[in-house]
C-alpha atoms as a PDB file:
ATOM      1  CA  MET A   1      90.623 127.158  93.918  1.00  0.00           C
ATOM      2  CA  LYS A   2      90.672 130.092  91.527  1.00  0.00           C
ATOM      3  CA  LYS A   3      89.594 129.347  87.990  1.00  0.00           C
ATOM      4  CA  THR A   4      92.742 130.671  86.367  1.00  0.00           C
ATOM      5  CA  ALA A   5      94.986 129.467  83.556  1.00  0.00           C
ATOM      6  CA  GLU A   6      97.863 129.209  86.038  1.00  0.00           C
ATOM      7  CA  ASN A   7      95.942 126.860  88.338  1.00  0.00           C
ATOM      8  CA  LEU A   8      94.852 124.731  85.391  1.00  0.00           C
ATOM      9  CA  ILE A   9      98.487 124.404  84.299  1.00  0.00           C
ATOM     10  CA  LEU A  10      99.475 123.555  87.891  1.00  0.00           C
ATOM     11  CA  LEU A  11      96.909 120.753  88.093  1.00  0.00           C
ATOM     12  CA  ASN A  12      98.034 119.385  84.735  1.00  0.00           C
ATOM     13  CA  ILE A  13     101.622 119.359  86.019  1.00  0.00           C
ATOM     14  CA  ILE A  14     100.576 117.544  89.215  1.00  0.00           C
ATOM     15  CA  PHE A  15      98.618 115.053  87.132  1.00  0.00           C
ATOM     16  CA  THR A  16     101.476 114.318  84.724  1.00  0.00           C
ATOM     17  CA  VAL A  17     104.162 114.155  87.422  1.00  0.00           C
ATOM     18  CA  GLY A  18     101.994 111.820  89.504  1.00  0.00           C
ATOM     19  CA  LEU A  19     101.510 109.565  86.484  1.00  0.00           C
ATOM     20  CA  VAL A  20     105.181 109.484  85.468  1.00  0.00           C
ATOM     21  CA  ILE A  21     106.486 108.943  89.003  1.00  0.00           C
ATOM     22  CA  SER A  22     103.932 106.209  89.666  1.00  0.00           C
ATOM     23  CA  ASN A  23     105.361 104.250  86.736  1.00  0.00           C
ATOM     24  CA  VAL A  24     108.931 104.860  87.936  1.00  0.00           C
ATOM     25  CA  VAL A  25     108.309 103.590  91.477  1.00  0.00           C
ATOM     26  CA  THR A  26     105.846 100.814  90.638  1.00  0.00           C
ATOM     27  CA  ALA A  27     108.582  98.165  90.998  1.00  0.00           C
ATOM     28  CA  LYS A  28     108.741  98.739  94.763  1.00  0.00           C
ATOM     29  CA  LEU A  29     106.306  96.417  96.511  1.00  0.00           C
ATOM     30  CA  MET A  30     104.962  97.038 100.006  1.00  0.00           C
ATOM     31  CA  TYR A  31     103.959  94.186 102.282  1.00  0.00           C
ATOM     32  CA  THR A  32     100.709  94.722 104.143  1.00  0.00           C
ATOM     33  CA  GLY A  33     100.765  91.780 106.540  1.00  0.00           C
ATOM     34  CA  VAL A  34      97.323  90.823 105.207  1.00  0.00           C
ATOM     35  CA  SER A  35      96.577  87.586 103.361  1.00  0.00           C
ATOM     36  CA  LEU A  36      93.815  86.703 100.908  1.00  0.00           C
ATOM     37  CA  PHE A  37      93.187  83.118  99.805  1.00  0.00           C
ATOM     38  CA  GLY A  38      96.326  82.154 101.709  1.00  0.00           C
ATOM     39  CA  ASN A  39      98.490  84.605  99.756  1.00  0.00           C
ATOM     40  CA  PRO A  40     100.162  87.728 101.207  1.00  0.00           C
ATOM     41  CA  VAL A  41      98.823  90.964  99.736  1.00  0.00           C
ATOM     42  CA  THR A  42     101.470  93.271  98.299  1.00  0.00           C
ATOM     43  CA  LEU A  43     100.933  96.817  97.097  1.00  0.00           C
ATOM     44  CA  PRO A  44     102.940  98.677  94.443  1.00  0.00           C
ATOM     45  CA  GLY A  45     104.713 101.878  95.405  1.00  0.00           C
ATOM     46  CA  ALA A  46     102.787 103.512  92.576  1.00  0.00           C
ATOM     47  CA  GLY A  47      99.516 103.272  94.497  1.00  0.00           C
ATOM     48  CA  VAL A  48      99.887 106.507  96.445  1.00  0.00           C
ATOM     49  CA  CYS A  49     101.333 108.510  93.539  1.00  0.00           C
ATOM     50  CA  TYR A  50      98.683 107.333  91.104  1.00  0.00           C
ATOM     51  CA  ALA A  51      95.865 108.358  93.437  1.00  0.00           C
ATOM     52  CA  PHE A  52      96.766 112.008  92.862  1.00  0.00           C
ATOM     53  CA  THR A  53      96.015 111.698  89.148  1.00  0.00           C
ATOM     54  CA  PHE A  54      92.346 110.916  89.800  1.00  0.00           C
ATOM     55  CA  LEU A  55      92.078 113.751  92.295  1.00  0.00           C
ATOM     56  CA  ALA A  56      93.617 116.152  89.764  1.00  0.00           C
ATOM     57  CA  THR A  57      91.224 115.235  86.935  1.00  0.00           C
ATOM     58  CA  ASP A  58      88.247 115.403  89.308  1.00  0.00           C
ATOM     59  CA  VAL A  59      89.205 118.922  90.379  1.00  0.00           C
ATOM     60  CA  ILE A  60      89.827 119.966  86.774  1.00  0.00           C
ATOM     61  CA  GLY A  61      86.493 118.501  85.728  1.00  0.00           C
ATOM     62  CA  GLU A  62      84.595 120.168  88.571  1.00  0.00           C
ATOM     63  CA  ILE A  63      86.031 123.632  87.916  1.00  0.00           C
ATOM     64  CA  TRP A  64      86.993 123.714  84.229  1.00  0.00           C
ATOM     65  CA  GLY A  65      84.736 121.005  82.829  1.00  0.00           C
ATOM     66  CA  LYS A  66      84.887 117.669  81.041  1.00  0.00           C
ATOM     67  CA  LYS A  67      86.812 118.944  78.012  1.00  0.00           C
ATOM     68  CA  GLU A  68      89.769 120.139  80.079  1.00  0.00           C
ATOM     69  CA  ALA A  69      89.781 116.922  82.126  1.00  0.00           C
ATOM     70  CA  ASN A  70      90.058 114.887  78.914  1.00  0.00           C
ATOM     71  CA  LYS A  71      92.894 117.145  77.743  1.00  0.00           C
ATOM     72  CA  ALA A  72      94.764 116.386  80.962  1.00  0.00           C
ATOM     73  CA  VAL A  73      94.517 112.658  80.222  1.00  0.00           C
ATOM     74  CA  ILE A  74      95.988 113.163  76.743  1.00  0.00           C
ATOM     75  CA  PHE A  75      98.763 115.410  78.089  1.00  0.00           C
ATOM     76  CA  GLY A  76      99.531 112.778  80.718  1.00  0.00           C
ATOM     77  CA  LEU A  77      99.762 110.058  78.072  1.00  0.00           C
ATOM     78  CA  VAL A  78     102.195 112.153  76.026  1.00  0.00           C
ATOM     79  CA  GLY A  79     104.235 112.865  79.166  1.00  0.00           C
ATOM     80  CA  GLN A  80     104.404 109.182  80.112  1.00  0.00           C
ATOM     81  CA  VAL A  81     105.463 108.050  76.634  1.00  0.00           C
ATOM     82  CA  PHE A  82     108.097 110.792  76.484  1.00  0.00           C
ATOM     83  CA  ALA A  83     109.413 109.869  79.959  1.00  0.00           C
ATOM     84  CA  SER A  84     109.663 106.193  78.953  1.00  0.00           C
ATOM     85  CA  LEU A  85     111.629 107.108  75.821  1.00  0.00           C
ATOM     86  CA  LEU A  86     114.024 109.293  77.846  1.00  0.00           C
ATOM     87  CA  ILE A  87     114.583 106.483  80.367  1.00  0.00           C
ATOM     88  CA  LEU A  88     115.225 104.025  77.537  1.00  0.00           C
ATOM     89  CA  LEU A  89     117.602 106.431  75.786  1.00  0.00           C
ATOM     90  CA  THR A  90     119.594 107.070  78.956  1.00  0.00           C
ATOM     91  CA  GLU A  91     119.798 103.333  79.634  1.00  0.00           C
ATOM     92  CA  HIS A  92     121.615 102.794  76.331  1.00  0.00           C
ATOM     93  CA  LEU A  93     124.082 105.662  76.719  1.00  0.00           C
ATOM     94  CA  PRO A  94     127.669 104.571  77.571  1.00  0.00           C
ATOM     95  CA  ALA A  95     128.071 104.069  81.323  1.00  0.00           C
ATOM     96  CA  ALA A  96     131.193 105.210  83.196  1.00  0.00           C
ATOM     97  CA  ASP A  97     130.704 102.474  85.790  1.00  0.00           C
ATOM     98  CA  ALA A  98     129.306  98.963  85.284  1.00  0.00           C
ATOM     99  CA  SER A  99     127.774  98.746  88.760  1.00  0.00           C
ATOM    100  CA  MET A 100     126.064 102.104  88.218  1.00  0.00           C
ATOM    101  CA  GLN A 101     124.598 100.824  84.939  1.00  0.00           C
ATOM    102  CA  GLU A 102     123.367  97.665  86.645  1.00  0.00           C
ATOM    103  CA  THR A 103     121.683  99.727  89.365  1.00  0.00           C
ATOM    104  CA  TYR A 104     120.091 102.000  86.778  1.00  0.00           C
ATOM    105  CA  VAL A 105     118.661  99.075  84.818  1.00  0.00           C
ATOM    106  CA  ARG A 106     117.379  97.426  87.995  1.00  0.00           C
ATOM    107  CA  LEU A 107     115.622 100.580  89.188  1.00  0.00           C
ATOM    108  CA  LEU A 108     114.483 102.205  85.957  1.00  0.00           C
ATOM    109  CA  GLY A 109     114.750  99.528  83.285  1.00  0.00           C
ATOM    110  CA  GLN A 110     111.513  99.370  81.310  1.00  0.00           C
ATOM    111  CA  ASN A 111     109.647  96.069  81.321  1.00  0.00           C
ATOM    112  CA  TRP A 112     107.553  96.649  78.218  1.00  0.00           C
ATOM    113  CA  VAL A 113     104.786  94.289  79.314  1.00  0.00           C
ATOM    114  CA  PHE A 114     104.368  96.487  82.389  1.00  0.00           C
ATOM    115  CA  VAL A 115     104.495  99.647  80.280  1.00  0.00           C
ATOM    116  CA  VAL A 116     101.741  98.368  77.973  1.00  0.00           C
ATOM    117  CA  ALA A 117      99.691  97.175  80.954  1.00  0.00           C
ATOM    118  CA  SER A 118     100.120 100.518  82.691  1.00  0.00           C
ATOM    119  CA  LEU A 119      99.134 102.595  79.660  1.00  0.00           C
ATOM    120  CA  ALA A 120      96.129 100.374  78.885  1.00  0.00           C
ATOM    121  CA  GLY A 121      94.893 100.548  82.479  1.00  0.00           C
ATOM    122  CA  TYR A 122      95.543 104.287  82.551  1.00  0.00           C
ATOM    123  CA  LEU A 123      93.559 105.134  79.413  1.00  0.00           C
ATOM    124  CA  ILE A 124      90.607 102.883  80.218  1.00  0.00           C
ATOM    125  CA  ALA A 125      90.367 103.962  83.873  1.00  0.00           C
ATOM    126  CA  GLN A 126      90.856 107.683  83.293  1.00  0.00           C
ATOM    127  CA  LYS A 127      88.361 107.848  80.427  1.00  0.00           C
ATOM    128  CA  TRP A 128      85.802 105.997  82.534  1.00  0.00           C
ATOM    129  CA  ASP A 129      86.546 108.227  85.532  1.00  0.00           C
ATOM    130  CA  ILE A 130      85.818 111.398  83.563  1.00  0.00           C
ATOM    131  CA  TRP A 131      82.729 109.988  81.854  1.00  0.00           C
ATOM    132  CA  ILE A 132      81.050 108.638  85.003  1.00  0.00           C
ATOM    133  CA  PHE A 133      82.067 111.736  87.021  1.00  0.00           C
ATOM    134  CA  HIS A 134      80.264 114.094  84.641  1.00  0.00           C
ATOM    135  CA  THR A 135      77.341 111.751  83.994  1.00  0.00           C
ATOM    136  CA  ILE A 136      76.484 111.503  87.697  1.00  0.00           C
ATOM    137  CA  ARG A 137      77.235 115.193  88.241  1.00  0.00           C
ATOM    138  CA  SER A 138      74.942 116.341  85.428  1.00  0.00           C
ATOM    139  CA  LYS A 139      72.054 114.137  86.578  1.00  0.00           C
ATOM    140  CA  TYR A 140      72.432 115.277  90.181  1.00  0.00           C
ATOM    141  CA  ILE A 141      72.497 118.964  89.211  1.00  0.00           C
ATOM    142  CA  ALA A 142      69.504 118.537  86.901  1.00  0.00           C
ATOM    143  CA  LYS A 143      67.541 117.060  89.806  1.00  0.00           C
ATOM    144  CA  HIS A 144      68.778 119.150  92.768  1.00  0.00           C
ATOM    145  CA  GLY A 145      70.164 122.319  91.172  1.00  0.00           C
ATOM    146  CA  ASP A 146      73.364 122.404  93.252  1.00  0.00           C
ATOM    147  CA  THR A 147      76.680 120.619  93.838  1.00  0.00           C
ATOM    148  CA  LYS A 148      76.379 120.291  97.602  1.00  0.00           C
ATOM    149  CA  HIS A 149      76.893 116.520  97.636  1.00  0.00           C
ATOM    150  CA  ARG A 150      79.728 116.385  95.110  1.00  0.00           C
ATOM    151  CA  TRP A 151      81.371 113.627  97.161  1.00  0.00           C
ATOM    152  CA  ILE A 152      78.956 111.310  95.347  1.00  0.00           C
ATOM    153  CA  TRP A 153      80.473 111.716  91.872  1.00  0.00           C
ATOM    154  CA  ASN A 154      83.966 112.255  93.249  1.00  0.00           C
ATOM    155  CA  ASN A 155      83.961 108.873  95.012  1.00  0.00           C
ATOM    156  CA  ALA A 156      81.794 106.966  92.538  1.00  0.00           C
ATOM    157  CA  SER A 157      84.025 107.905  89.605  1.00  0.00           C
ATOM    158  CA  THR A 158      87.347 107.209  91.319  1.00  0.00           C
ATOM    159  CA  MET A 159      86.290 104.002  93.074  1.00  0.00           C
ATOM    160  CA  THR A 160      84.818 102.428  89.940  1.00  0.00           C
ATOM    161  CA  SER A 161      87.651 103.543  87.668  1.00  0.00           C
ATOM    162  CA  GLN A 162      90.167 102.022  90.074  1.00  0.00           C
ATOM    163  CA  ILE A 163      88.483  98.641  89.577  1.00  0.00           C
ATOM    164  CA  LEU A 164      89.161  98.912  85.852  1.00  0.00           C
ATOM    165  CA  ASP A 165      92.731 100.101  86.336  1.00  0.00           C
ATOM    166  CA  THR A 166      93.545  97.319  88.800  1.00  0.00           C
ATOM    167  CA  VAL A 167      92.006  94.506  86.753  1.00  0.00           C
ATOM    168  CA  VAL A 168      93.486  95.684  83.440  1.00  0.00           C
ATOM    169  CA  PHE A 169      96.993  96.354  84.776  1.00  0.00           C
ATOM    170  CA  ILE A 170      97.363  93.198  86.870  1.00  0.00           C
ATOM    171  CA  GLY A 171      95.545  91.104  84.253  1.00  0.00           C
ATOM    172  CA  ILE A 172      97.929  92.146  81.478  1.00  0.00           C
ATOM    173  CA  ALA A 173     101.168  92.478  83.475  1.00  0.00           C
ATOM    174  CA  PHE A 174     100.874  89.361  85.615  1.00  0.00           C
ATOM    175  CA  GLY A 175      97.991  87.379  84.120  1.00  0.00           C
ATOM    176  CA  LEU A 176      99.270  87.509  80.536  1.00  0.00           C
ATOM    177  CA  GLY A 177     102.848  88.769  80.899  1.00  0.00           C
ATOM    178  CA  PHE A 178     103.820  86.235  83.570  1.00  0.00           C
ATOM    179  CA  GLY A 179     101.296  83.673  82.345  1.00  0.00           C
ATOM    180  CA  TRP A 180      99.591  83.392  85.753  1.00  0.00           C
ATOM    181  CA  LEU A 181      96.159  83.391  84.126  1.00  0.00           C
ATOM    182  CA  PHE A 182      96.981  80.019  82.589  1.00  0.00           C
ATOM    183  CA  GLN A 183      98.405  78.466  85.746  1.00  0.00           C
ATOM    184  CA  ALA A 184      95.814  77.062  88.123  1.00  0.00           C
ATOM    185  CA  GLU A 185      98.070  77.470  91.176  1.00  0.00           C
ATOM    186  CA  MET A 186      98.737  81.151  90.386  1.00  0.00           C
ATOM    187  CA  ARG A 187      95.166  82.282  89.761  1.00  0.00           C
ATOM    188  CA  PRO A 188      94.434  82.715  93.505  1.00  0.00           C
ATOM    189  CA  VAL A 189      97.577  84.880  93.742  1.00  0.00           C
ATOM    190  CA  LEU A 190      96.339  86.956  90.810  1.00  0.00           C
ATOM    191  CA  LEU A 191      92.929  87.372  92.419  1.00  0.00           C
ATOM    192  CA  SER A 192      94.374  88.306  95.819  1.00  0.00           C
ATOM    193  CA  MET A 193      96.552  90.954  94.164  1.00  0.00           C
ATOM    194  CA  MET A 194      93.546  92.480  92.408  1.00  0.00           C
ATOM    195  CA  ILE A 195      91.317  92.519  95.492  1.00  0.00           C
ATOM    196  CA  GLY A 196      94.031  93.698  97.890  1.00  0.00           C
ATOM    197  CA  GLN A 197      95.264  96.485  95.649  1.00  0.00           C
ATOM    198  CA  TYR A 198      91.745  97.647  94.869  1.00  0.00           C
ATOM    199  CA  LEU A 199      90.807  97.879  98.561  1.00  0.00           C
ATOM    200  CA  PHE A 200      93.913 100.003  99.134  1.00  0.00           C
ATOM    201  CA  LYS A 201      93.033 102.287  96.210  1.00  0.00           C
ATOM    202  CA  MET A 202      89.427 102.563  97.398  1.00  0.00           C
ATOM    203  CA  MET A 203      90.640 103.715 100.811  1.00  0.00           C
ATOM    204  CA  LEU A 204      92.836 106.384  99.191  1.00  0.00           C
ATOM    205  CA  ALA A 205      89.890 107.523  97.064  1.00  0.00           C
ATOM    206  CA  ALA A 206      87.810 108.057 100.198  1.00  0.00           C
ATOM    207  CA  LEU A 207      90.639 109.927 101.918  1.00  0.00           C
ATOM    208  CA  ASP A 208      91.017 112.443  99.088  1.00  0.00           C
ATOM    209  CA  THR A 209      87.392 113.649  99.433  1.00  0.00           C
ATOM    210  CA  PRO A 210      88.195 116.463 101.932  1.00  0.00           C
ATOM    211  CA  ILE A 211      90.949 117.698  99.590  1.00  0.00           C
ATOM    212  CA  PHE A 212      88.518 117.643  96.667  1.00  0.00           C
ATOM    213  CA  TYR A 213      86.014 119.698  98.688  1.00  0.00           C
ATOM    214  CA  LEU A 214      88.696 122.182  99.698  1.00  0.00           C
ATOM    215  CA  LEU A 215      89.944 122.717  96.145  1.00  0.00           C
ATOM    216  CA  THR A 216      86.440 123.046  94.686  1.00  0.00           C
ATOM    217  CA  LYS A 217      85.007 125.206  97.447  1.00  0.00           C
ATOM    218  CA  GLY A 218      82.821 128.037  96.188  1.00  0.00           C
ATOM    219  CA  ILE A 219      81.628 126.324  93.017  1.00  0.00           C
ATOM    220  CA  THR A 220      77.882 126.617  92.514  1.00  0.00           C
ATOM    221  CA  ARG A 221      75.699 125.515  89.650  1.00  0.00           C
ATOM    222  CA  GLY A 222      72.553 127.188  88.397  1.00  0.00           C
ATOM    223  CA  ASP A 223      70.140 125.693  85.903  1.00  0.00           C
ATOM    224  CA  ASP A 224      72.000 127.070  82.904  1.00  0.00           C
ATOM    225  CA  GLU A 225      75.559 127.895  83.946  1.00  0.00           C
ATOM    226  CA  ILE A 226      78.371 127.289  86.397  1.00  0.00           C
ATOM    227  CA  GLN A 227      79.565 130.181  88.482  1.00  0.00           C
ATOM    228  CA  LEU A 228      82.704 130.293  90.520  1.00  0.00           C
ATOM    229  CA  GLU A 229      83.153 132.198  93.749  1.00  0.00           C
ATOM    230  CA  GLU A 230      86.921 132.549  93.711  1.00  0.00           C
ATOM    231  CA  PHE A 231      89.040 132.221  96.785  1.00  0.00           C
ATOM    232  CA  SER A 232      92.688 131.717  97.533  1.00  0.00           C
ATOM    233  CA  ILE A 233      94.229 128.652  99.107  1.00  0.00           C
END
């Protein structure tokens, strides 16, 4: 991918849209047909959308560096807060039809426990993702002098950050918000949700590796600088 301002803007747009849409569609649950601890594992519709945010920051970090990746996280946070405010504002505007208003609230109504849980998981996971990505990358380059095996930091960062995101989001939204953490009969359900959703996210993280390689093709690293062999996609 060419190291241009236009491509950086494009990746920031993909990142922010993926984040906002993931929070819009998170209410849709998908049944997997798999059970853990006797409880069916369900996955949020946000899972697929949210995976693109980690891919976007990894590509930004690989080509433009850690500073730009952190900027993307801040821009995404601003975008998500702004989107939530717009949804809330529209919800309270006069409705021409009562059934339409009911449908709107059901689909887009903001559960603020979920919003807080989502933003907390987002910030913790994304900050960790960027930090561990560049920590592993720097140590590898210092030792080997190239970025040939960049799948290592791509997967290590995303797979570990998804643990944090899953535990924080489900822990706050369901563990505290629904009180499941304090109900002995619901703790196995909470645990099965965390494990099931993480395994799904880990699979998506592995599947995005070829895309990461394609978008970062031509990047080489010397001892003192990063050079980019530009190509079009």
